[in-house]
Amino acid sequence: MRLADFIEANIELILAEWEVFARKIWPHSSAGAVVDPATLRDDAEDILLATVSDMRSDQTTSQQSEKSKGGGLAGKSGDQVNKASELHGAGRVGSGFQLWAVVAEYRALRASVLRLWRESGPETDLNDIDDVTRFNECIDQSLTESVRAYTKQVERDRVELLVKEQAARKDAENANRAKDLFLATLSHELRTPLNAIVGWINILRLSGDSEENLAEGLDVIERNTKAQVQLIEDVLDVSRIVSGKLRLDIRDCDLIDIINAGIDVVRPTANAKEISLEVQLDPTARRASCDATRMQQVVWNLLTNALKFTGKRGVVRVTLARESSCLRLMVSDNGQGISPELLPYVFERFRQADSSTRRTYGGLGLGLSIVKHLAEMHGGTVEAQSGGEGQGATFIVSLPIKAVQIAEAAFADSDSESDATSAMRPPEPPPVSLDGLHVLIVDDEPDARRMLSKVLEGVGARVTTAATAAEALAVIANATDKLDVFVSDVGMPNQNGYDLIREVRRLGHHAQGLPAVALTAFAHKDDASEAAMAGFQVHLAKPVNLHELTAVIARLAGRV
């Protein structure tokens, strides 16, 4: 019987003998064989059948000799050998096999075939020499392809691991960078209202019993105090979340009343921006087991976020409905929308769409992360949807409808501290007189502009204000009398203070003719050097000291 016919007729006998040897070299763990013996047997059977097909094909002598080197593919039959061998070699990577084991498998397979064929007593002739040669060349070809597939798979796995490691490193670097940006933003947001408060206290001290100043000052102080309290509450909530100290007082609540209370809080803001609030609340979805205070915080944060990113005469929709076993609260708007790049990270604590000094919208960016955590503490979920920038956004909070109503409070939030300590401060030196000086103030915050104007006018300066860099450039270009000093905030949208001073210097207004003060709530250690490199002469951090500000302006104007 010819060798190819013998292999085809006795393949089970060959594989049984081969498996006895192969089992001895399979790696084992404490739990048994690492690789499934049936898988190896199937691979060996495919290789043998592909070899039989190749042995029966028409091939030249040069094609046969090239096969053992991994080349000289002989049409379809040669491709079958390669395909079976590639699967066998690549499949050994995950099993823990080493290359020596793959070589040993092939040697055992070759030995089993030739020994069993010899023991069958074939009537040999010259054709058998060609058959054995072609069989050996096919086995060599298969071994070459298996080793090649093995090494390629190892390289692919290595590259994949490298890509995953680089991605993990990049995520860690982005997280650290986001934390740094968050701290800078936190500094800015806390200092900005504090600057207005301190400034107006100074104004009220200087102006005496002026009823106009008193009313306006108290209004600004109250507004900025509330803003700062909210910022601090957000930071404390995040601290409680991270430390695991945030607790819920779960009771049977009226969800419609909670939502309406949150809407009432933001309605003045909506009216001021002429934003329409469309509310649709399903009465059958009103009962829920939740912490009423925390759930109102969820509603307030979502509505505040929607109003912040919705332009004038926009629409914000609030919907409450019952869907299957969940209550679904949906807050949607037709505002700025969320870019596809930011959407997966919108609930992360230290991630913001824009943390630069040019950002248009204030805040710490903690509201949505707090919403996510509170929703999950209630056993629910929150998701964000957006078609992209300019296409609005939708936030959906899903709360489970509990089978058993919890009537009593579970825990109370005991994380409350107060600091009653106070320190006696020495009296501050009086502000320096700025009689006759013309000062330009640039700040995008109306309260900041008003406060700085009051302060400087109170010590004799003549003040001109601008809300943007473009307005400031127009004032400088069209000024009928000389500007002595200009004071600019750094953190402004579109064009920040650094952009403004560079343009001023480029237009030929040098430091000797128009000195400049950078006034910023960003307190990075590199801010002063960056301000100097941009073209400012002095960098002051908010809240600014009244004596320091007037002294700096007087010095830059050549008064002292």
Protein backbone atom coordinates (compact mmCIF):
# COMPACT_ATOMS: atom_id res chain seq x y z
CA MET A 1 0.00 0.00 0.00
CA ARG A 2 1.29 3.43 -0.95
CA LEU A 3 2.22 5.70 1.99
CA ALA A 4 -0.53 8.29 1.34
CA ASP A 5 -3.17 5.54 1.14
CA PHE A 6 -1.83 3.96 4.36
CA ILE A 7 -2.03 7.26 6.27
CA GLU A 8 -5.60 7.87 5.10
CA ALA A 9 -6.73 4.30 5.96
CA ASN A 10 -4.99 4.11 9.36
CA ILE A 11 -5.20 7.68 10.63
CA GLU A 12 -6.89 6.69 13.91
CA LEU A 13 -4.19 4.11 14.66
CA ILE A 14 -1.46 6.66 13.90
CA LEU A 15 -3.04 9.33 16.09
CA ALA A 16 -3.54 6.89 18.99
CA GLU A 17 0.17 6.00 19.03
CA TRP A 18 1.20 9.64 18.56
CA GLU A 19 -1.05 10.74 21.44
CA VAL A 20 0.70 8.39 23.88
CA PHE A 21 3.94 10.29 23.28
CA ALA A 22 2.33 13.73 23.02
CA ARG A 23 0.67 13.38 26.41
CA LYS A 24 4.09 12.96 28.01
CA ILE A 25 5.27 16.38 26.80
CA TRP A 26 2.08 18.37 27.40
CA PRO A 27 2.68 20.81 30.28
CA HIS A 28 0.66 20.17 33.41
CA SER A 29 -0.51 22.34 36.26
CA SER A 30 -1.73 21.32 39.69
CA ALA A 31 -5.24 21.13 38.21
CA GLY A 32 -4.24 18.86 35.31
CA ALA A 33 -3.35 19.34 31.64
CA VAL A 34 -3.04 22.96 30.52
CA VAL A 35 -4.19 22.19 26.99
CA ASP A 36 -7.11 20.01 25.92
CA PRO A 37 -5.76 16.75 24.40
CA ALA A 38 -8.68 16.62 21.96
CA THR A 39 -7.58 19.95 20.48
CA LEU A 40 -4.06 18.70 19.79
CA ARG A 41 -5.39 15.46 18.30
CA ASP A 42 -7.71 17.39 15.97
CA ASP A 43 -4.80 19.59 14.84
CA ALA A 44 -2.63 16.53 14.13
CA GLU A 45 -5.44 14.91 12.15
CA ASP A 46 -5.90 18.02 10.00
CA ILE A 47 -2.16 18.18 9.34
CA LEU A 48 -2.01 14.53 8.28
CA LEU A 49 -5.03 14.83 5.93
CA ALA A 50 -3.55 18.00 4.38
CA THR A 51 -0.24 16.13 3.95
CA VAL A 52 -1.97 13.25 2.17
CA SER A 53 -3.62 15.69 -0.23
CA ASP A 54 -0.27 17.38 -0.91
CA MET A 55 1.50 14.05 -1.51
CA ARG A 56 -1.03 13.15 -4.20
CA SER A 57 -0.72 16.51 -6.03
CA ASP A 58 1.46 17.18 -9.04
CA GLN A 59 4.66 18.97 -8.05
CA THR A 60 8.05 19.55 -9.59
CA THR A 61 11.26 18.52 -7.84
CA SER A 62 12.13 22.16 -7.08
CA GLN A 63 8.71 22.77 -5.55
CA GLN A 64 9.12 19.75 -3.31
CA SER A 65 12.59 20.76 -2.13
CA GLU A 66 11.44 24.30 -1.28
CA LYS A 67 8.61 23.13 0.96
CA SER A 68 10.83 22.22 3.87
CA LYS A 69 12.13 25.81 3.82
CA GLY A 70 8.66 27.26 4.09
CA GLY A 71 8.35 28.19 0.43
CA GLY A 72 7.33 26.66 -2.91
CA LEU A 73 3.61 26.37 -2.19
CA ALA A 74 2.10 23.77 -4.50
CA GLY A 75 -1.33 25.21 -5.16
CA LYS A 76 -4.40 24.29 -3.14
CA SER A 77 -2.92 21.25 -1.41
CA GLY A 78 0.09 23.20 -0.16
CA ASP A 79 -2.21 25.90 1.14
CA GLN A 80 -4.13 23.29 3.12
CA VAL A 81 -0.94 22.17 4.84
CA ASN A 82 -0.05 25.75 5.71
CA LYS A 83 -3.52 26.54 7.04
CA ALA A 84 -3.63 23.48 9.30
CA SER A 85 -0.09 24.14 10.52
CA GLU A 86 -0.74 27.82 11.26
CA LEU A 87 -3.72 26.93 13.44
CA HIS A 88 -1.63 24.35 15.28
CA GLY A 89 1.31 26.69 15.93
CA ALA A 90 -0.73 29.75 16.90
CA GLY A 91 -2.91 27.67 19.21
CA ARG A 92 0.09 26.53 21.27
CA VAL A 93 0.86 30.04 22.57
CA GLY A 94 -1.90 30.16 25.15
CA SER A 95 -1.25 26.56 26.30
CA GLY A 96 2.20 27.22 27.67
CA PHE A 97 4.02 25.12 25.06
CA GLN A 98 7.59 26.00 24.17
CA LEU A 99 9.05 25.63 20.70
CA TRP A 100 10.87 22.46 21.70
CA ALA A 101 7.49 20.84 22.42
CA VAL A 102 6.18 21.76 18.96
CA VAL A 103 9.30 20.21 17.34
CA ALA A 104 8.94 17.10 19.51
CA GLU A 105 5.30 16.70 18.43
CA TYR A 106 6.26 16.69 14.76
CA ARG A 107 9.10 14.25 15.25
CA ALA A 108 6.79 11.89 17.12
CA LEU A 109 4.15 12.19 14.38
CA ARG A 110 6.68 11.48 11.65
CA ALA A 111 8.11 8.49 13.55
CA SER A 112 4.66 6.98 14.22
CA VAL A 113 3.61 7.20 10.56
CA LEU A 114 6.80 5.67 9.14
CA ARG A 115 7.11 2.92 11.78
CA LEU A 116 3.48 1.76 11.49
CA TRP A 117 3.69 1.83 7.68
CA ARG A 118 6.90 -0.28 7.76
CA GLU A 119 5.29 -2.76 10.20
CA SER A 120 2.34 -3.16 7.79
CA GLY A 121 4.78 -4.89 5.34
CA PRO A 122 4.30 -2.82 2.18
CA GLU A 123 5.68 -4.07 -1.13
CA THR A 124 8.18 -1.30 -1.74
CA ASP A 125 9.31 0.05 -5.09
CA LEU A 126 10.98 3.22 -6.40
CA ASN A 127 7.73 5.17 -6.06
CA ASP A 128 7.87 4.66 -2.29
CA ILE A 129 11.14 6.58 -2.13
CA ASP A 130 9.39 9.55 -3.73
CA ASP A 131 6.41 9.12 -1.35
CA VAL A 132 8.60 9.12 1.76
CA THR A 133 10.52 12.12 0.47
CA ARG A 134 7.32 14.07 -0.19
CA PHE A 135 5.93 13.04 3.22
CA ASN A 136 9.06 14.27 5.00
CA GLU A 137 9.01 17.51 3.02
CA CYS A 138 5.33 18.07 3.93
CA ILE A 139 6.06 17.46 7.61
CA ASP A 140 9.01 19.86 7.41
CA GLN A 141 6.77 22.40 5.68
CA SER A 142 4.14 22.00 8.38
CA LEU A 143 6.73 22.37 11.18
CA THR A 144 8.12 25.51 9.54
CA GLU A 145 4.67 27.06 9.24
CA SER A 146 3.75 26.08 12.81
CA VAL A 147 6.89 27.68 14.23
CA ARG A 148 6.34 30.76 12.07
CA ALA A 149 2.69 31.01 13.22
CA TYR A 150 3.78 30.46 16.83
CA THR A 151 6.29 33.31 16.75
CA LYS A 152 3.88 35.62 14.92
CA GLN A 153 1.20 34.99 17.52
CA VAL A 154 3.67 35.63 20.34
CA GLU A 155 4.60 38.94 18.67
CA ARG A 156 0.93 39.89 18.22
CA ASP A 157 0.27 39.13 21.88
CA ARG A 158 3.30 41.16 22.91
CA VAL A 159 2.17 44.12 20.80
CA GLU A 160 -1.35 43.84 22.22
CA LEU A 161 -0.02 43.83 25.77
CA LEU A 162 2.20 46.80 24.95
CA VAL A 163 -0.77 48.72 23.54
CA LYS A 164 -2.84 47.94 26.63
CA GLU A 165 0.02 49.02 28.91
CA GLN A 166 0.46 52.27 26.99
CA ALA A 167 -3.30 52.91 27.13
CA ALA A 168 -3.33 52.27 30.89
CA ARG A 169 -0.38 54.62 31.35
CA LYS A 170 -2.06 57.28 29.23
CA ASP A 171 -5.27 56.97 31.26
CA ALA A 172 -3.29 57.38 34.48
CA GLU A 173 -1.47 60.42 33.10
CA ASN A 174 -4.76 61.93 31.94
CA ALA A 175 -6.28 61.32 35.37
CA ASN A 176 -3.37 63.06 37.08
CA ARG A 177 -3.53 65.94 34.61
CA ALA A 178 -7.27 66.23 35.16
CA LYS A 179 -6.72 66.42 38.93
CA ASP A 180 -4.18 69.21 38.46
CA LEU A 181 -6.60 71.11 36.25
CA PHE A 182 -9.36 70.53 38.77
CA LEU A 183 -7.26 72.00 41.57
CA ALA A 184 -6.50 75.04 39.43
CA THR A 185 -10.19 75.42 38.63
CA LEU A 186 -11.11 74.95 42.30
CA SER A 187 -8.69 77.73 43.23
CA HIS A 188 -10.19 80.00 40.56
CA GLU A 189 -13.80 79.32 41.46
CA LEU A 190 -13.26 79.81 45.21
CA ARG A 191 -11.19 82.95 44.82
CA THR A 192 -13.51 84.68 42.35
CA PRO A 193 -16.51 85.17 44.72
CA LEU A 194 -14.12 85.79 47.62
CA ASN A 195 -12.50 88.58 45.64
CA ALA A 196 -15.86 90.30 45.12
CA ILE A 197 -16.74 89.91 48.81
CA VAL A 198 -13.45 91.31 50.08
CA GLY A 199 -13.55 94.12 47.54
CA TRP A 200 -17.04 95.25 48.49
CA ILE A 201 -16.24 95.13 52.19
CA ASN A 202 -13.41 97.53 51.47
CA ILE A 203 -15.75 99.73 49.41
CA LEU A 204 -18.32 99.86 52.21
CA ARG A 205 -15.65 100.78 54.71
CA LEU A 206 -14.43 103.62 52.51
CA SER A 207 -17.80 104.95 51.39
CA GLY A 208 -19.39 105.20 54.82
CA ASP A 209 -23.20 105.28 55.00
CA SER A 210 -23.98 105.57 51.27
CA GLU A 211 -27.32 103.77 50.90
CA GLU A 212 -26.68 103.06 47.22
CA ASN A 213 -23.33 101.42 47.90
CA LEU A 214 -24.71 99.55 50.93
CA ALA A 215 -27.60 98.01 48.97
CA GLU A 216 -25.46 97.06 46.02
CA GLY A 217 -22.62 95.79 48.20
CA LEU A 218 -24.87 93.60 50.33
CA ASP A 219 -26.49 92.17 47.21
CA VAL A 220 -23.11 91.28 45.68
CA ILE A 221 -21.80 89.85 48.95
CA GLU A 222 -24.92 87.71 49.43
CA ARG A 223 -24.83 86.42 45.85
CA ASN A 224 -21.15 85.52 45.95
CA THR A 225 -21.41 84.03 49.45
CA LYS A 226 -24.14 81.67 48.23
CA ALA A 227 -22.03 80.76 45.21
CA GLN A 228 -19.05 79.95 47.40
CA VAL A 229 -21.17 77.93 49.84
CA GLN A 230 -22.43 75.81 46.95
CA LEU A 231 -18.89 75.25 45.68
CA ILE A 232 -17.75 74.18 49.14
CA GLU A 233 -20.76 71.86 49.51
CA ASP A 234 -19.89 70.17 46.22
CA VAL A 235 -16.30 69.66 47.33
CA LEU A 236 -17.45 68.28 50.71
CA ASP A 237 -19.88 65.93 48.99
CA VAL A 238 -17.08 64.58 46.82
CA SER A 239 -14.92 64.16 49.93
CA ARG A 240 -17.74 62.23 51.64
CA ILE A 241 -18.18 60.08 48.54
CA VAL A 242 -14.47 59.24 48.31
CA SER A 243 -14.20 58.50 52.06
CA GLY A 244 -17.44 56.49 52.11
CA LYS A 245 -19.07 58.77 54.68
CA LEU A 246 -22.01 59.86 52.56
CA ARG A 247 -25.18 58.32 53.99
CA LEU A 248 -28.77 58.31 52.80
CA ASP A 249 -31.97 58.79 54.79
CA ILE A 250 -34.24 56.48 52.79
CA ARG A 251 -37.96 57.13 53.21
CA ASP A 252 -41.20 56.89 51.26
CA CYS A 253 -41.15 60.15 49.23
CA ASP A 254 -43.23 62.01 46.71
CA LEU A 255 -40.89 62.27 43.71
CA ILE A 256 -43.07 64.83 41.95
CA ASP A 257 -42.85 67.19 44.93
CA ILE A 258 -39.06 66.71 45.00
CA ILE A 259 -38.75 67.52 41.27
CA ASN A 260 -41.01 70.56 41.54
CA ALA A 261 -38.93 71.85 44.46
CA GLY A 262 -35.79 71.57 42.36
CA ILE A 263 -37.48 73.32 39.45
CA ASP A 264 -38.59 76.18 41.71
CA VAL A 265 -34.96 76.76 42.74
CA VAL A 266 -33.70 77.16 39.16
CA ARG A 267 -36.73 78.93 37.70
CA PRO A 268 -35.31 82.45 38.28
CA THR A 269 -32.18 81.45 36.33
CA ALA A 270 -34.30 80.06 33.53
CA ASN A 271 -36.40 83.22 33.41
CA ALA A 272 -33.30 85.41 33.32
CA LYS A 273 -32.02 83.51 30.25
CA GLU A 274 -35.53 83.29 28.73
CA ILE A 275 -35.26 79.51 28.75
CA SER A 276 -38.52 77.60 28.58
CA LEU A 277 -38.97 74.87 31.20
CA GLU A 278 -41.24 72.12 29.88
CA VAL A 279 -42.33 69.75 32.65
CA GLN A 280 -44.19 66.48 32.18
CA LEU A 281 -44.55 64.37 35.34
CA ASP A 282 -46.50 61.10 35.35
CA PRO A 283 -48.65 60.88 38.54
CA THR A 284 -48.26 57.08 38.58
CA ALA A 285 -44.50 57.53 39.05
CA ARG A 286 -44.65 59.79 42.09
CA ARG A 287 -43.98 57.28 44.90
CA ALA A 288 -40.34 56.35 45.49
CA SER A 289 -38.08 55.16 48.29
CA CYS A 290 -35.28 57.69 48.39
CA ASP A 291 -33.47 60.37 50.36
CA ALA A 292 -35.57 63.45 49.55
CA THR A 293 -32.75 65.93 50.14
CA ARG A 294 -30.22 64.03 48.05
CA MET A 295 -32.71 63.35 45.27
CA GLN A 296 -33.54 67.06 45.12
CA GLN A 297 -29.78 67.62 44.82
CA VAL A 298 -29.76 65.27 41.81
CA VAL A 299 -32.59 67.21 40.18
CA TRP A 300 -31.00 70.58 40.96
CA ASN A 301 -27.60 69.53 39.58
CA LEU A 302 -29.08 68.19 36.35
CA LEU A 303 -31.23 71.31 35.84
CA THR A 304 -28.35 73.65 36.67
CA ASN A 305 -26.14 71.81 34.19
CA ALA A 306 -28.82 72.02 31.48
CA LEU A 307 -29.41 75.73 32.05
CA LYS A 308 -25.69 76.49 32.07
CA PHE A 309 -25.14 75.00 28.61
CA THR A 310 -28.37 76.22 27.02
CA GLY A 311 -28.43 79.58 25.31
CA LYS A 312 -31.07 82.30 25.49
CA ARG A 313 -34.59 81.29 24.48
CA GLY A 314 -33.62 77.64 24.62
CA VAL A 315 -35.70 74.76 25.95
CA VAL A 316 -35.10 72.45 28.92
CA ARG A 317 -37.47 69.50 29.33
CA VAL A 318 -38.07 67.57 32.54
CA THR A 319 -39.89 64.26 32.27
CA LEU A 320 -40.80 61.66 34.90
CA ALA A 321 -42.30 58.37 33.77
CA ARG A 322 -42.71 54.81 34.90
CA GLU A 323 -41.05 52.25 32.65
CA SER A 324 -41.18 48.55 33.52
CA SER A 325 -39.77 48.26 37.04
CA CYS A 326 -38.01 51.62 37.02
CA LEU A 327 -38.81 55.28 37.47
CA ARG A 328 -37.09 57.34 34.78
CA LEU A 329 -36.25 61.00 35.32
CA MET A 330 -35.12 62.67 32.10
CA VAL A 331 -33.62 66.17 31.80
CA SER A 332 -32.90 67.24 28.24
CA ASP A 333 -31.93 70.48 26.54
CA ASN A 334 -31.26 71.86 23.07
CA GLY A 335 -28.05 73.60 24.09
CA GLN A 336 -24.34 73.14 23.51
CA GLY A 337 -24.33 69.34 23.53
CA ILE A 338 -21.44 66.99 24.34
CA SER A 339 -18.65 66.00 21.96
CA PRO A 340 -18.20 62.26 21.28
CA GLU A 341 -14.72 62.45 22.83
CA LEU A 342 -16.04 63.79 26.15
CA LEU A 343 -19.27 61.75 26.37
CA PRO A 344 -17.69 58.58 27.91
CA TYR A 345 -16.02 60.70 30.63
CA VAL A 346 -18.80 63.19 31.42
CA PHE A 347 -19.44 61.69 34.89
CA GLU A 348 -15.79 61.56 35.95
CA ARG A 349 -14.87 63.73 38.92
CA PHE A 350 -11.77 65.40 37.54
CA ARG A 351 -12.78 65.68 33.89
CA GLN A 352 -14.08 68.88 32.26
CA ALA A 353 -14.69 69.81 28.63
CA ASP A 354 -12.58 72.95 29.08
CA SER A 355 -10.37 73.63 32.08
CA SER A 356 -8.29 76.37 30.46
CA THR A 357 -8.27 80.06 31.31
CA ARG A 358 -10.36 80.64 28.16
CA ARG A 359 -13.31 78.53 29.30
CA THR A 360 -16.72 80.08 28.83
CA TYR A 361 -18.56 78.36 31.69
CA GLY A 362 -17.66 78.48 35.38
CA GLY A 363 -18.06 75.83 38.05
CA LEU A 364 -16.01 72.89 39.28
CA GLY A 365 -17.51 70.19 37.06
CA LEU A 366 -18.43 68.08 40.11
CA GLY A 367 -22.21 68.17 39.75
CA LEU A 368 -22.56 65.28 37.31
CA SER A 369 -20.16 63.04 39.23
CA ILE A 370 -22.22 63.68 42.38
CA VAL A 371 -25.41 62.86 40.43
CA LYS A 372 -23.92 59.55 39.30
CA HIS A 373 -22.88 58.52 42.79
CA LEU A 374 -26.19 59.50 44.39
CA ALA A 375 -28.14 57.64 41.70
CA GLU A 376 -26.04 54.52 42.26
CA MET A 377 -26.43 54.80 46.05
CA HIS A 378 -30.19 54.67 45.45
CA GLY A 379 -29.67 51.47 43.44
CA GLY A 380 -30.21 53.28 40.15
CA THR A 381 -28.20 54.41 37.16
CA VAL A 382 -27.61 57.57 35.17
CA GLU A 383 -26.64 57.89 31.52
CA ALA A 384 -25.82 60.76 29.20
CA GLN A 385 -26.85 61.03 25.55
CA SER A 386 -25.92 63.62 22.96
CA GLY A 387 -25.80 63.81 19.19
CA GLY A 388 -22.64 65.92 19.42
CA GLU A 389 -21.70 69.55 19.82
CA GLY A 390 -24.58 71.93 19.20
CA GLN A 391 -27.21 69.15 19.37
CA GLY A 392 -28.19 69.32 23.01
CA ALA A 393 -27.86 66.68 25.71
CA THR A 394 -30.10 64.32 27.65
CA PHE A 395 -29.47 62.86 31.10
CA ILE A 396 -31.58 59.92 32.25
CA VAL A 397 -31.75 58.78 35.89
CA SER A 398 -33.32 55.36 36.41
CA LEU A 399 -34.45 54.42 39.92
CA PRO A 400 -35.68 50.92 40.81
CA ILE A 401 -39.21 50.51 42.15
CA LYS A 402 -38.59 48.54 45.32
CA ALA A 403 -40.66 45.51 46.15
CA VAL A 404 -40.51 46.24 49.89
CA GLN A 405 -40.97 49.80 51.09
CA ILE A 406 -38.38 51.06 53.62
CA ALA A 407 -40.24 53.21 56.09
CA GLU A 408 -37.48 54.14 58.51
CA ALA A 409 -34.27 56.04 57.95
CA ALA A 410 -31.27 53.86 57.45
CA PHE A 411 -28.48 56.21 58.33
CA ALA A 412 -27.94 59.88 58.92
CA ASP A 413 -25.14 62.00 57.58
CA SER A 414 -23.00 62.63 60.62
CA ASP A 415 -20.21 64.35 58.76
CA SER A 416 -20.79 67.85 60.01
CA GLU A 417 -18.09 70.06 61.42
CA SER A 418 -17.84 73.71 62.30
CA ASP A 419 -14.86 75.90 62.84
CA ALA A 420 -15.51 78.62 65.40
CA THR A 421 -11.97 79.85 65.66
CA SER A 422 -11.10 83.39 64.66
CA ALA A 423 -7.88 85.40 64.62
CA MET A 424 -7.23 89.04 65.41
CA ARG A 425 -5.68 90.82 62.44
CA PRO A 426 -3.65 94.04 62.56
CA PRO A 427 -5.27 96.97 60.78
CA GLU A 428 -4.47 97.16 57.07
CA PRO A 429 -2.64 100.23 55.74
CA PRO A 430 -4.87 102.72 53.91
CA PRO A 431 -5.07 102.56 50.09
CA VAL A 432 -2.70 104.74 48.09
CA SER A 433 -4.22 107.80 46.40
CA LEU A 434 -4.56 107.51 42.62
CA ASP A 435 -5.83 111.05 41.95
CA GLY A 436 -5.77 111.88 38.24
CA LEU A 437 -4.75 108.42 36.99
CA HIS A 438 -6.72 106.80 34.16
CA VAL A 439 -7.06 103.05 34.71
CA LEU A 440 -8.56 100.47 32.33
CA ILE A 441 -10.15 97.41 33.99
CA VAL A 442 -10.78 94.27 31.92
CA ASP A 443 -12.83 91.43 33.46
CA ASP A 444 -15.64 89.26 32.12
CA GLU A 445 -17.38 89.13 35.53
CA PRO A 446 -19.74 92.13 36.04
CA ASP A 447 -19.39 91.99 39.85
CA ALA A 448 -15.60 92.05 39.58
CA ARG A 449 -15.63 95.00 37.19
CA ARG A 450 -18.06 96.93 39.39
CA MET A 451 -16.10 96.23 42.57
CA LEU A 452 -12.73 97.22 41.07
CA SER A 453 -14.26 100.38 39.63
CA LYS A 454 -15.67 101.36 43.02
CA VAL A 455 -12.36 100.71 44.76
CA LEU A 456 -10.23 102.70 42.32
CA GLU A 457 -12.73 105.52 41.92
CA GLY A 458 -12.83 105.75 45.72
CA VAL A 459 -9.13 106.62 45.80
CA GLY A 460 -9.33 109.20 43.00
CA ALA A 461 -8.73 107.19 39.81
CA ARG A 462 -10.74 107.60 36.64
CA VAL A 463 -11.82 104.16 35.51
CA THR A 464 -12.80 102.70 32.14
CA THR A 465 -14.04 99.09 31.99
CA ALA A 466 -14.19 96.37 29.36
CA ALA A 467 -15.82 92.93 29.53
CA THR A 468 -13.73 91.21 26.82
CA ALA A 469 -10.33 91.41 25.20
CA ALA A 470 -11.93 92.78 22.04
CA GLU A 471 -13.62 95.60 24.00
CA ALA A 472 -10.33 96.40 25.74
CA LEU A 473 -8.47 96.65 22.43
CA ALA A 474 -11.16 99.00 21.12
CA VAL A 475 -10.89 101.18 24.24
CA ILE A 476 -7.10 101.38 23.89
CA ALA A 477 -7.31 102.19 20.19
CA ASN A 478 -9.97 104.90 20.61
CA ALA A 479 -8.87 106.47 23.91
CA THR A 480 -8.98 110.30 23.66
CA ASP A 481 -6.67 110.74 26.64
CA LYS A 482 -3.77 108.70 27.91
CA LEU A 483 -4.34 105.43 29.77
CA ASP A 484 -1.89 105.21 32.66
CA VAL A 485 -2.33 101.55 33.69
CA PHE A 486 -4.59 98.70 32.74
CA VAL A 487 -5.63 95.85 35.01
CA SER A 488 -6.78 92.64 33.33
CA ASP A 489 -8.23 89.39 34.56
CA VAL A 490 -6.46 86.35 33.08
CA GLY A 491 -9.30 83.82 33.02
CA MET A 492 -11.67 85.08 30.31
CA PRO A 493 -13.49 83.15 27.54
CA ASN A 494 -12.36 83.13 23.91
CA GLN A 495 -9.36 85.47 24.41
CA ASN A 496 -7.81 85.36 27.87
CA GLY A 497 -5.64 87.96 29.57
CA TYR A 498 -2.43 86.54 28.10
CA ASP A 499 -3.86 86.80 24.59
CA LEU A 500 -4.89 90.40 25.29
CA ILE A 501 -1.51 91.61 26.61
CA ARG A 502 0.35 89.97 23.73
CA GLU A 503 -1.87 91.78 21.25
CA VAL A 504 -1.47 95.08 23.13
CA ARG A 505 2.31 94.74 23.03
CA ARG A 506 2.26 93.70 19.38
CA LEU A 507 0.34 96.88 18.52
CA GLY A 508 3.21 98.97 19.93
CA HIS A 509 1.94 99.79 23.44
CA HIS A 510 5.10 99.01 25.38
CA ALA A 511 5.44 98.61 29.14
CA GLN A 512 6.86 102.11 29.59
CA GLY A 513 3.81 103.72 27.98
CA LEU A 514 1.07 101.36 29.19
CA PRO A 515 2.08 99.14 32.14
CA ALA A 516 -0.25 96.23 32.92
CA VAL A 517 -1.34 94.25 35.98
CA ALA A 518 -2.47 90.61 35.68
CA LEU A 519 -5.26 89.97 38.17
CA THR A 520 -6.20 86.31 38.37
CA ALA A 521 -7.87 83.74 40.55
CA PHE A 522 -5.61 81.02 39.14
CA ALA A 523 -2.84 80.47 41.68
CA HIS A 524 -0.36 78.17 39.96
CA LYS A 525 3.24 78.73 40.99
CA ASP A 526 4.12 79.36 37.34
CA ASP A 527 1.41 82.00 36.80
CA ALA A 528 3.65 84.94 37.75
CA SER A 529 6.41 83.93 35.33
CA GLU A 530 3.89 83.21 32.57
CA ALA A 531 2.32 86.64 33.11
CA ALA A 532 5.73 88.31 32.90
CA MET A 533 6.62 86.41 29.72
CA ALA A 534 3.31 87.42 28.14
CA GLY A 535 3.93 91.14 28.83
CA PHE A 536 2.44 91.98 32.24
CA GLN A 537 4.57 93.90 34.72
CA VAL A 538 2.86 92.62 37.89
CA HIS A 539 0.85 89.51 38.74
CA LEU A 540 -1.68 89.69 41.62
CA ALA A 541 -3.75 86.75 42.90
CA LYS A 542 -7.38 87.13 43.94
CA PRO A 543 -8.65 88.12 46.43
CA VAL A 544 -6.43 91.11 46.00
CA ASN A 545 -5.42 93.33 48.93
CA LEU A 546 -6.75 96.89 48.45
CA HIS A 547 -3.54 98.59 49.63
CA GLU A 548 -1.43 96.25 47.46
CA LEU A 549 -3.50 96.93 44.35
CA THR A 550 -3.45 100.71 44.69
CA ALA A 551 0.25 100.69 45.60
CA VAL A 552 1.09 98.61 42.52
CA ILE A 553 -0.93 100.89 40.23
CA ALA A 554 0.70 103.99 41.72
CA ARG A 555 4.17 102.50 41.32
CA LEU A 556 3.58 101.47 37.70
CA ALA A 557 2.27 104.97 36.94
CA GLY A 558 5.40 106.53 38.44
CA ARG A 559 3.69 108.00 41.51
CA VAL A 560 5.94 106.25 44.05
